[in-house]
């Protein structure tokens, strides 16, 4: 490893901490892209019977959707229906 930052240095977002220096770069294998599909399970996260906890869980989920954190289209629709 060749360190780019010293211990105790102030780090910015996405700054490079170190680089790997290889002895033989011919032995490095290329990473393969995964082109399969991931299985998303829509689970019912409402395990509580207390109304304030149910409200808070659904409110957090809807705020995450409005902030842009959501599943892709077929899963998004199911998740939104289960929350609303």
N, C-alpha and C. Protein backbone atom coordinates (compact mmCIF):
# COMPACT_ATOMS: atom_id res chain seq x y z
N UNK A 1 0.83 -1.19 0.00
CA UNK A 1 0.00 0.00 0.00
C UNK A 1 0.87 1.25 0.00
N UNK A 2 0.46 2.20 -0.79
CA UNK A 2 1.11 3.51 -0.76
C UNK A 2 0.08 4.48 -0.20
N UNK A 3 0.34 4.97 1.00
CA UNK A 3 -0.62 5.83 1.68
C UNK A 3 -0.59 7.24 1.11
N UNK A 4 -1.76 7.80 0.84
CA UNK A 4 -1.88 9.17 0.37
C UNK A 4 -2.20 10.14 1.51
N UNK A 5 -2.79 9.64 2.57
CA UNK A 5 -3.15 10.46 3.72
C UNK A 5 -2.40 9.95 4.95
N UNK A 6 -1.95 10.88 5.76
CA UNK A 6 -1.27 10.51 7.00
C UNK A 6 -2.29 10.22 8.09
N UNK A 7 -1.92 9.45 9.12
CA UNK A 7 -2.83 9.23 10.24
C UNK A 7 -3.19 10.56 10.90
N UNK A 8 -4.48 10.73 11.16
CA UNK A 8 -4.95 11.96 11.79
C UNK A 8 -5.30 13.05 10.81
N UNK A 9 -5.15 12.79 9.50
CA UNK A 9 -5.47 13.80 8.49
C UNK A 9 -6.98 14.00 8.40
N UNK A 10 -7.40 15.17 8.03
CA UNK A 10 -8.82 15.47 7.84
C UNK A 10 -9.24 14.92 6.49
N UNK A 11 -10.31 14.13 6.49
CA UNK A 11 -10.76 13.47 5.27
C UNK A 11 -11.96 14.19 4.68
N UNK A 12 -11.95 14.33 3.37
CA UNK A 12 -13.09 14.85 2.64
C UNK A 12 -13.88 13.68 2.08
N UNK A 13 -15.08 13.96 1.60
CA UNK A 13 -15.88 12.91 0.97
C UNK A 13 -15.17 12.43 -0.29
N UNK A 14 -15.11 11.15 -0.45
CA UNK A 14 -14.51 10.45 -1.60
C UNK A 14 -13.02 10.72 -1.80
N UNK A 15 -12.30 11.04 -0.74
CA UNK A 15 -10.85 11.22 -0.90
C UNK A 15 -10.16 9.85 -0.91
N UNK A 16 -9.06 9.77 -1.60
CA UNK A 16 -8.31 8.52 -1.73
C UNK A 16 -7.35 8.40 -0.56
N UNK A 17 -7.48 7.31 0.20
CA UNK A 17 -6.64 7.09 1.37
C UNK A 17 -5.32 6.44 1.01
N UNK A 18 -5.39 5.46 0.10
CA UNK A 18 -4.18 4.71 -0.26
C UNK A 18 -4.35 4.11 -1.64
N UNK A 19 -3.24 3.70 -2.21
CA UNK A 19 -3.24 3.01 -3.50
C UNK A 19 -2.53 1.67 -3.32
N UNK A 20 -3.00 0.68 -4.05
CA UNK A 20 -2.37 -0.63 -4.02
C UNK A 20 -1.33 -0.69 -5.13
N UNK A 21 -0.11 -1.01 -4.77
CA UNK A 21 0.96 -1.18 -5.75
C UNK A 21 1.20 -2.68 -5.89
N UNK A 22 0.99 -3.20 -7.10
CA UNK A 22 1.06 -4.63 -7.34
C UNK A 22 2.45 -5.04 -7.78
N UNK A 23 2.86 -6.24 -7.35
CA UNK A 23 4.13 -6.80 -7.81
C UNK A 23 4.03 -7.25 -9.26
N UNK A 24 2.93 -7.92 -9.58
CA UNK A 24 2.73 -8.41 -10.94
C UNK A 24 1.31 -8.08 -11.37
N UNK A 25 1.16 -7.07 -12.20
CA UNK A 25 -0.17 -6.63 -12.61
C UNK A 25 -0.82 -7.59 -13.60
N UNK A 26 -0.08 -8.56 -14.12
CA UNK A 26 -0.65 -9.52 -15.06
C UNK A 26 -1.56 -10.53 -14.36
N UNK A 27 -1.42 -10.68 -13.05
CA UNK A 27 -2.21 -11.66 -12.31
C UNK A 27 -3.54 -11.09 -11.82
N UNK A 28 -3.79 -9.83 -12.08
CA UNK A 28 -5.04 -9.21 -11.65
C UNK A 28 -6.16 -9.65 -12.58
N UNK A 29 -7.28 -10.09 -12.00
CA UNK A 29 -8.43 -10.51 -12.80
C UNK A 29 -9.44 -9.38 -12.86
N UNK A 30 -10.07 -9.24 -14.02
CA UNK A 30 -11.09 -8.22 -14.19
C UNK A 30 -12.35 -8.65 -13.43
N UNK A 31 -13.02 -7.69 -12.85
CA UNK A 31 -14.29 -7.97 -12.18
C UNK A 31 -15.38 -8.16 -13.23
N UNK A 32 -16.28 -9.08 -12.97
CA UNK A 32 -17.38 -9.35 -13.90
C UNK A 32 -18.61 -8.59 -13.43
N UNK A 33 -19.29 -7.96 -14.38
CA UNK A 33 -20.53 -7.26 -14.06
C UNK A 33 -21.63 -8.28 -13.81
N UNK A 34 -22.42 -8.03 -12.78
CA UNK A 34 -23.56 -8.90 -12.48
C UNK A 34 -24.75 -8.39 -13.27
N UNK A 35 -25.27 -9.22 -14.16
CA UNK A 35 -26.41 -8.79 -14.97
C UNK A 35 -27.68 -9.52 -14.60
N UNK A 36 -27.66 -10.25 -13.50
CA UNK A 36 -28.85 -10.93 -13.03
C UNK A 36 -29.76 -9.97 -12.27
N UNK A 37 -30.83 -10.52 -11.73
CA UNK A 37 -31.77 -9.69 -10.98
C UNK A 37 -31.66 -10.03 -9.50
N UNK A 38 -31.89 -9.03 -8.68
CA UNK A 38 -31.92 -9.23 -7.25
C UNK A 38 -33.36 -9.52 -6.83
N UNK A 39 -33.52 -10.40 -5.87
CA UNK A 39 -34.85 -10.72 -5.37
C UNK A 39 -35.17 -9.81 -4.20
N UNK A 40 -36.12 -8.92 -4.42
CA UNK A 40 -36.57 -8.03 -3.36
C UNK A 40 -37.80 -8.64 -2.71
N UNK A 41 -37.74 -8.80 -1.42
CA UNK A 41 -38.90 -9.27 -0.70
C UNK A 41 -39.52 -8.10 0.02
N UNK A 42 -40.78 -7.89 -0.22
CA UNK A 42 -41.50 -6.85 0.49
C UNK A 42 -42.02 -7.49 1.77
N UNK A 43 -41.42 -7.13 2.86
CA UNK A 43 -41.82 -7.71 4.13
C UNK A 43 -42.60 -6.69 4.94
N UNK A 44 -43.46 -7.18 5.76
CA UNK A 44 -44.25 -6.31 6.61
C UNK A 44 -43.41 -5.99 7.85
N UNK A 45 -42.93 -4.75 7.94
CA UNK A 45 -42.05 -4.38 9.03
C UNK A 45 -42.82 -3.93 10.26
N UNK A 46 -44.14 -3.94 10.17
CA UNK A 46 -44.94 -3.47 11.29
C UNK A 46 -45.12 -4.61 12.28
N UNK A 47 -44.19 -4.74 13.19
CA UNK A 47 -44.25 -5.81 14.16
C UNK A 47 -44.87 -5.35 15.47
N UNK A 48 -45.03 -4.06 15.63
CA UNK A 48 -45.55 -3.52 16.87
C UNK A 48 -47.06 -3.33 16.76
N UNK A 49 -47.71 -3.32 17.91
CA UNK A 49 -49.14 -3.03 17.94
C UNK A 49 -49.40 -1.64 18.49
N UNK A 50 -48.34 -0.94 18.87
CA UNK A 50 -48.49 0.41 19.41
C UNK A 50 -48.64 1.40 18.25
N UNK A 51 -49.66 2.25 18.33
CA UNK A 51 -49.96 3.15 17.23
C UNK A 51 -48.85 4.15 16.96
N UNK A 52 -48.19 4.64 18.01
CA UNK A 52 -47.13 5.62 17.77
C UNK A 52 -45.94 5.00 17.04
N UNK A 53 -45.64 3.74 17.31
CA UNK A 53 -44.53 3.08 16.62
C UNK A 53 -44.89 2.76 15.17
N UNK A 54 -46.15 2.36 14.94
CA UNK A 54 -46.60 2.11 13.57
C UNK A 54 -46.57 3.40 12.77
N UNK A 55 -47.07 4.48 13.35
CA UNK A 55 -47.06 5.78 12.68
C UNK A 55 -45.65 6.21 12.35
N UNK A 56 -44.73 6.09 13.30
CA UNK A 56 -43.36 6.54 13.09
C UNK A 56 -42.67 5.72 12.00
N UNK A 57 -42.92 4.41 11.97
CA UNK A 57 -42.31 3.55 10.95
C UNK A 57 -42.80 3.92 9.55
N UNK A 58 -44.11 4.10 9.41
CA UNK A 58 -44.68 4.46 8.11
C UNK A 58 -44.25 5.86 7.70
N UNK A 59 -44.21 6.78 8.65
CA UNK A 59 -43.78 8.16 8.36
C UNK A 59 -42.33 8.17 7.87
N UNK A 60 -41.45 7.43 8.54
CA UNK A 60 -40.05 7.35 8.11
C UNK A 60 -39.93 6.76 6.70
N UNK A 61 -40.72 5.72 6.43
CA UNK A 61 -40.68 5.10 5.11
C UNK A 61 -41.14 6.06 4.03
N UNK A 62 -42.21 6.80 4.27
CA UNK A 62 -42.70 7.76 3.28
C UNK A 62 -41.74 8.93 3.11
N UNK A 63 -41.09 9.36 4.18
CA UNK A 63 -40.09 10.43 4.05
C UNK A 63 -38.89 9.96 3.23
N UNK A 64 -38.50 8.70 3.38
CA UNK A 64 -37.42 8.15 2.56
C UNK A 64 -37.80 8.10 1.09
N UNK A 65 -39.07 7.76 0.81
CA UNK A 65 -39.54 7.75 -0.57
C UNK A 65 -39.49 9.15 -1.16
N UNK A 66 -39.95 10.15 -0.40
CA UNK A 66 -39.94 11.52 -0.88
C UNK A 66 -38.52 12.06 -1.04
N UNK A 67 -37.58 11.53 -0.27
CA UNK A 67 -36.18 11.96 -0.38
C UNK A 67 -35.47 11.28 -1.55
N UNK A 68 -36.14 10.32 -2.20
CA UNK A 68 -35.54 9.67 -3.37
C UNK A 68 -34.99 8.29 -3.10
N UNK A 69 -35.11 7.80 -1.89
CA UNK A 69 -34.63 6.46 -1.58
C UNK A 69 -35.79 5.49 -1.78
N UNK A 70 -35.83 4.83 -2.92
CA UNK A 70 -36.93 3.92 -3.19
C UNK A 70 -36.46 2.76 -4.06
N UNK A 71 -37.30 1.76 -4.18
CA UNK A 71 -37.03 0.60 -5.02
C UNK A 71 -37.36 0.94 -6.47
N UNK A 72 -36.99 0.05 -7.38
CA UNK A 72 -37.36 0.25 -8.78
C UNK A 72 -38.86 0.03 -8.95
N UNK A 73 -39.39 0.29 -10.12
CA UNK A 73 -40.83 0.46 -10.33
C UNK A 73 -41.73 -0.69 -9.87
N UNK A 74 -41.54 -1.94 -10.22
CA UNK A 74 -42.55 -2.91 -9.76
C UNK A 74 -42.56 -3.05 -8.24
N UNK A 75 -41.42 -2.91 -7.60
CA UNK A 75 -41.35 -3.04 -6.15
C UNK A 75 -41.79 -1.76 -5.45
N UNK A 76 -41.55 -0.64 -6.09
CA UNK A 76 -41.93 0.65 -5.51
C UNK A 76 -43.44 0.73 -5.34
N UNK A 77 -44.19 0.31 -6.35
CA UNK A 77 -45.65 0.39 -6.30
C UNK A 77 -46.20 -0.46 -5.16
N UNK A 78 -45.67 -1.68 -5.00
CA UNK A 78 -46.13 -2.56 -3.91
C UNK A 78 -45.80 -1.96 -2.55
N UNK A 79 -44.61 -1.42 -2.43
CA UNK A 79 -44.17 -0.83 -1.16
C UNK A 79 -45.02 0.39 -0.80
N UNK A 80 -45.32 1.21 -1.80
CA UNK A 80 -46.14 2.39 -1.56
C UNK A 80 -47.55 2.00 -1.15
N UNK A 81 -48.12 0.98 -1.79
CA UNK A 81 -49.46 0.52 -1.41
C UNK A 81 -49.49 -0.01 0.01
N UNK A 82 -48.43 -0.71 0.41
CA UNK A 82 -48.41 -1.26 1.77
C UNK A 82 -48.26 -0.17 2.82
N UNK A 83 -47.64 0.95 2.45
CA UNK A 83 -47.47 2.05 3.40
C UNK A 83 -48.69 2.95 3.48
N UNK A 84 -49.36 3.12 2.37
CA UNK A 84 -50.51 4.02 2.36
C UNK A 84 -51.75 3.23 2.65
